[in-house]
Amino acid sequence: MPRSVDYSKFLLVGLRNGQILEFDITNNAKECIMHSHHDGESWGLVVIEGDNKYITSGDDNKLLMYDALTHKVIQRGEVVPEEDLDEE
């Protein structure tokens, strides 16, 4: 069951099980480009058009930036509550 969808050159679909599928509608091809967001569901996806990058977020409180051409993580971050930032 899709949780999020984005379309530019390819159709990207984020599923409830954490997978992200990339569809090339010109030749009817499908590829799984992410199998899960480590622990739990992937629920956020943003495509950075023109930079060949996309960012995902999920139940593990992580933000992962991927290179869309290589499908590799190029940057990582973690979401922390604002009160935890005050303690630093």
N, C-alpha and C. Protein backbone atom coordinates (compact mmCIF):
# COMPACT_ATOMS: atom_id res chain seq x y z
N MET A 1 0.85 -1.18 0.00
CA MET A 1 0.00 0.00 0.00
C MET A 1 0.89 1.24 0.00
N PRO A 2 0.76 2.11 -1.00
CA PRO A 2 1.59 3.31 -1.06
C PRO A 2 1.34 4.27 0.09
N ARG A 3 2.40 4.86 0.60
CA ARG A 3 2.34 5.89 1.62
C ARG A 3 2.64 7.26 1.04
N SER A 4 3.50 7.29 0.02
CA SER A 4 3.84 8.56 -0.62
C SER A 4 4.19 8.30 -2.07
N VAL A 5 3.99 9.33 -2.89
CA VAL A 5 4.25 9.22 -4.31
C VAL A 5 4.84 10.53 -4.81
N ASP A 6 5.82 10.45 -5.70
CA ASP A 6 6.38 11.64 -6.33
C ASP A 6 6.66 11.29 -7.79
N TYR A 7 6.49 12.26 -8.67
CA TYR A 7 6.74 12.00 -10.08
C TYR A 7 7.51 13.16 -10.69
N SER A 8 8.62 12.83 -11.33
CA SER A 8 9.32 13.77 -12.20
C SER A 8 9.71 12.96 -13.42
N LYS A 9 10.98 12.58 -13.54
CA LYS A 9 11.38 11.69 -14.63
C LYS A 9 10.90 10.26 -14.37
N PHE A 10 10.93 9.86 -13.10
CA PHE A 10 10.48 8.54 -12.69
C PHE A 10 9.37 8.70 -11.67
N LEU A 11 8.60 7.66 -11.50
CA LEU A 11 7.60 7.62 -10.45
C LEU A 11 8.23 6.94 -9.24
N LEU A 12 8.28 7.64 -8.11
CA LEU A 12 8.79 7.05 -6.87
C LEU A 12 7.61 6.79 -5.95
N VAL A 13 7.56 5.57 -5.40
CA VAL A 13 6.47 5.17 -4.53
C VAL A 13 7.06 4.62 -3.24
N GLY A 14 6.70 5.22 -2.10
CA GLY A 14 7.09 4.71 -0.78
C GLY A 14 5.99 3.83 -0.23
N LEU A 15 6.34 2.63 0.19
CA LEU A 15 5.36 1.66 0.67
C LEU A 15 5.35 1.57 2.19
N ARG A 16 4.29 1.01 2.74
CA ARG A 16 4.15 0.86 4.19
C ARG A 16 5.26 0.01 4.80
N ASN A 17 5.81 -0.93 4.04
CA ASN A 17 6.84 -1.82 4.59
C ASN A 17 8.23 -1.21 4.53
N GLY A 18 8.33 0.05 4.14
CA GLY A 18 9.63 0.72 4.11
C GLY A 18 10.33 0.70 2.77
N GLN A 19 9.80 0.00 1.81
CA GLN A 19 10.43 -0.04 0.50
C GLN A 19 10.12 1.23 -0.29
N ILE A 20 11.05 1.61 -1.15
CA ILE A 20 10.80 2.66 -2.13
C ILE A 20 11.03 2.04 -3.49
N LEU A 21 10.03 2.16 -4.35
CA LEU A 21 10.10 1.61 -5.70
C LEU A 21 10.22 2.75 -6.70
N GLU A 22 11.05 2.54 -7.71
CA GLU A 22 11.23 3.51 -8.78
C GLU A 22 10.67 2.89 -10.06
N PHE A 23 9.74 3.59 -10.69
CA PHE A 23 9.12 3.12 -11.92
C PHE A 23 9.54 4.02 -13.07
N ASP A 24 10.02 3.41 -14.14
CA ASP A 24 10.29 4.13 -15.37
C ASP A 24 9.10 3.83 -16.29
N ILE A 25 8.20 4.79 -16.39
CA ILE A 25 6.96 4.52 -17.12
C ILE A 25 7.16 4.49 -18.63
N THR A 26 8.33 4.96 -19.11
CA THR A 26 8.55 4.93 -20.56
C THR A 26 8.82 3.52 -21.07
N ASN A 27 9.41 2.65 -20.22
CA ASN A 27 9.67 1.27 -20.67
C ASN A 27 9.06 0.24 -19.72
N ASN A 28 8.18 0.70 -18.82
CA ASN A 28 7.46 -0.18 -17.91
C ASN A 28 8.40 -0.99 -17.01
N ALA A 29 9.50 -0.35 -16.56
CA ALA A 29 10.47 -1.02 -15.68
C ALA A 29 10.25 -0.59 -14.23
N LYS A 30 10.53 -1.52 -13.31
CA LYS A 30 10.39 -1.25 -11.88
C LYS A 30 11.65 -1.72 -11.17
N GLU A 31 12.13 -0.91 -10.21
CA GLU A 31 13.30 -1.29 -9.42
C GLU A 31 13.07 -0.87 -7.97
N CYS A 32 13.38 -1.76 -7.04
CA CYS A 32 13.34 -1.42 -5.62
C CYS A 32 14.66 -0.73 -5.28
N ILE A 33 14.59 0.55 -4.91
CA ILE A 33 15.83 1.30 -4.64
C ILE A 33 16.11 1.44 -3.15
N MET A 34 15.17 1.03 -2.30
CA MET A 34 15.41 0.99 -0.87
C MET A 34 14.52 -0.08 -0.26
N HIS A 35 15.11 -0.96 0.51
CA HIS A 35 14.35 -2.08 1.07
C HIS A 35 13.67 -1.75 2.38
N SER A 36 14.22 -0.86 3.17
CA SER A 36 13.56 -0.40 4.39
C SER A 36 14.35 0.77 4.96
N HIS A 37 13.79 1.39 5.96
CA HIS A 37 14.47 2.50 6.62
C HIS A 37 15.04 1.99 7.94
N HIS A 38 15.84 0.98 7.85
CA HIS A 38 16.51 0.32 8.97
C HIS A 38 15.54 -0.33 9.93
N ASP A 39 14.81 0.46 10.71
CA ASP A 39 13.96 -0.08 11.75
C ASP A 39 12.60 0.61 11.68
N GLY A 40 11.61 -0.04 11.11
CA GLY A 40 10.29 0.57 11.01
C GLY A 40 9.99 1.03 9.60
N GLU A 41 8.99 1.89 9.51
CA GLU A 41 8.51 2.34 8.22
C GLU A 41 9.25 3.57 7.72
N SER A 42 9.34 3.70 6.41
CA SER A 42 9.71 4.96 5.77
C SER A 42 8.43 5.74 5.58
N TRP A 43 8.40 7.01 5.98
CA TRP A 43 7.16 7.76 5.82
C TRP A 43 7.36 9.14 5.23
N GLY A 44 8.59 9.50 4.93
CA GLY A 44 8.83 10.79 4.30
C GLY A 44 9.73 10.63 3.10
N LEU A 45 9.44 11.37 2.04
CA LEU A 45 10.25 11.32 0.83
C LEU A 45 10.17 12.67 0.15
N VAL A 46 11.33 13.24 -0.16
CA VAL A 46 11.37 14.47 -0.93
C VAL A 46 12.44 14.31 -2.02
N VAL A 47 12.11 14.72 -3.22
CA VAL A 47 13.04 14.66 -4.34
C VAL A 47 13.60 16.06 -4.56
N ILE A 48 14.92 16.16 -4.66
CA ILE A 48 15.58 17.43 -4.93
C ILE A 48 15.84 17.47 -6.43
N GLU A 49 14.91 18.09 -7.14
CA GLU A 49 14.97 18.09 -8.60
C GLU A 49 16.21 18.84 -9.08
N GLY A 50 16.82 18.34 -10.11
CA GLY A 50 17.99 18.96 -10.71
C GLY A 50 19.30 18.57 -10.04
N ASP A 51 19.24 18.03 -8.82
CA ASP A 51 20.46 17.62 -8.11
C ASP A 51 20.64 16.11 -8.06
N ASN A 52 19.68 15.36 -8.62
CA ASN A 52 19.74 13.89 -8.58
C ASN A 52 19.90 13.36 -7.17
N LYS A 53 19.12 13.94 -6.25
CA LYS A 53 19.15 13.51 -4.85
C LYS A 53 17.72 13.38 -4.33
N TYR A 54 17.57 12.56 -3.29
CA TYR A 54 16.31 12.51 -2.58
C TYR A 54 16.60 12.21 -1.11
N ILE A 55 15.67 12.61 -0.25
CA ILE A 55 15.81 12.45 1.20
C ILE A 55 14.63 11.63 1.69
N THR A 56 14.93 10.69 2.58
CA THR A 56 13.87 9.89 3.20
C THR A 56 13.93 10.07 4.71
N SER A 57 12.79 9.83 5.36
CA SER A 57 12.73 9.82 6.83
C SER A 57 11.85 8.65 7.24
N GLY A 58 12.00 8.24 8.50
CA GLY A 58 11.22 7.08 8.93
C GLY A 58 11.10 6.97 10.43
N ASP A 59 10.54 5.84 10.86
CA ASP A 59 10.30 5.58 12.27
C ASP A 59 11.58 5.54 13.10
N ASP A 60 12.73 5.37 12.47
CA ASP A 60 13.99 5.30 13.20
C ASP A 60 14.57 6.69 13.50
N ASN A 61 13.82 7.76 13.22
CA ASN A 61 14.23 9.15 13.46
C ASN A 61 15.45 9.56 12.66
N LYS A 62 15.71 8.89 11.55
CA LYS A 62 16.85 9.20 10.70
C LYS A 62 16.39 9.92 9.44
N LEU A 63 17.27 10.79 8.94
CA LEU A 63 17.12 11.40 7.63
C LEU A 63 18.26 10.89 6.79
N LEU A 64 17.96 10.35 5.62
CA LEU A 64 18.99 9.81 4.74
C LEU A 64 18.88 10.51 3.39
N MET A 65 20.00 11.07 2.93
CA MET A 65 20.04 11.67 1.60
C MET A 65 20.74 10.68 0.68
N TYR A 66 20.10 10.39 -0.45
CA TYR A 66 20.62 9.43 -1.42
C TYR A 66 21.02 10.15 -2.71
N ASP A 67 22.01 9.60 -3.38
CA ASP A 67 22.31 9.97 -4.75
C ASP A 67 21.38 9.13 -5.61
N ALA A 68 20.54 9.77 -6.40
CA ALA A 68 19.53 9.05 -7.19
C ALA A 68 20.14 8.22 -8.31
N LEU A 69 21.34 8.57 -8.74
CA LEU A 69 21.97 7.81 -9.83
C LEU A 69 22.62 6.53 -9.33
N THR A 70 23.25 6.58 -8.14
CA THR A 70 23.93 5.41 -7.61
C THR A 70 23.11 4.67 -6.57
N HIS A 71 22.04 5.31 -6.07
CA HIS A 71 21.18 4.74 -5.01
C HIS A 71 21.95 4.50 -3.73
N LYS A 72 22.97 5.31 -3.47
CA LYS A 72 23.79 5.20 -2.27
C LYS A 72 23.49 6.37 -1.33
N VAL A 73 23.57 6.12 -0.02
CA VAL A 73 23.41 7.19 0.98
C VAL A 73 24.65 8.08 0.92
N ILE A 74 24.43 9.39 0.80
CA ILE A 74 25.56 10.32 0.74
C ILE A 74 25.62 11.24 1.96
N GLN A 75 24.53 11.29 2.74
CA GLN A 75 24.52 12.09 3.96
C GLN A 75 23.47 11.53 4.91
N ARG A 76 23.76 11.60 6.22
CA ARG A 76 22.84 11.09 7.24
C ARG A 76 22.60 12.15 8.29
N GLY A 77 21.44 12.09 8.90
CA GLY A 77 21.11 12.98 10.01
C GLY A 77 20.13 12.29 10.93
N GLU A 78 19.91 12.88 12.09
CA GLU A 78 18.97 12.31 13.05
C GLU A 78 18.07 13.40 13.57
N VAL A 79 16.79 13.09 13.70
CA VAL A 79 15.81 14.02 14.24
C VAL A 79 15.82 13.85 15.75
N VAL A 80 16.03 14.94 16.47
CA VAL A 80 16.02 14.88 17.93
C VAL A 80 15.01 15.90 18.45
N PRO A 81 14.36 15.61 19.59
CA PRO A 81 13.41 16.56 20.17
C PRO A 81 14.12 17.87 20.53
N GLU A 82 13.40 18.98 20.42
CA GLU A 82 13.97 20.30 20.70
C GLU A 82 14.54 20.39 22.12
N GLU A 83 13.89 19.74 23.08
CA GLU A 83 14.38 19.80 24.46
C GLU A 83 15.75 19.13 24.60
N ASP A 84 16.04 18.13 23.77
CA ASP A 84 17.36 17.49 23.79
C ASP A 84 18.43 18.43 23.26
N LEU A 85 18.08 19.32 22.36
CA LEU A 85 19.02 20.30 21.83
C LEU A 85 19.42 21.30 22.89
N ASP A 86 18.49 21.63 23.79
CA ASP A 86 18.76 22.61 24.86
C ASP A 86 19.78 22.09 25.85
N GLU A 87 19.93 20.76 25.99
CA GLU A 87 20.83 20.17 26.95
C GLU A 87 22.29 20.22 26.49
N GLU A 88 22.52 20.44 25.21
CA GLU A 88 23.90 20.43 24.67
C GLU A 88 24.62 21.69 24.98
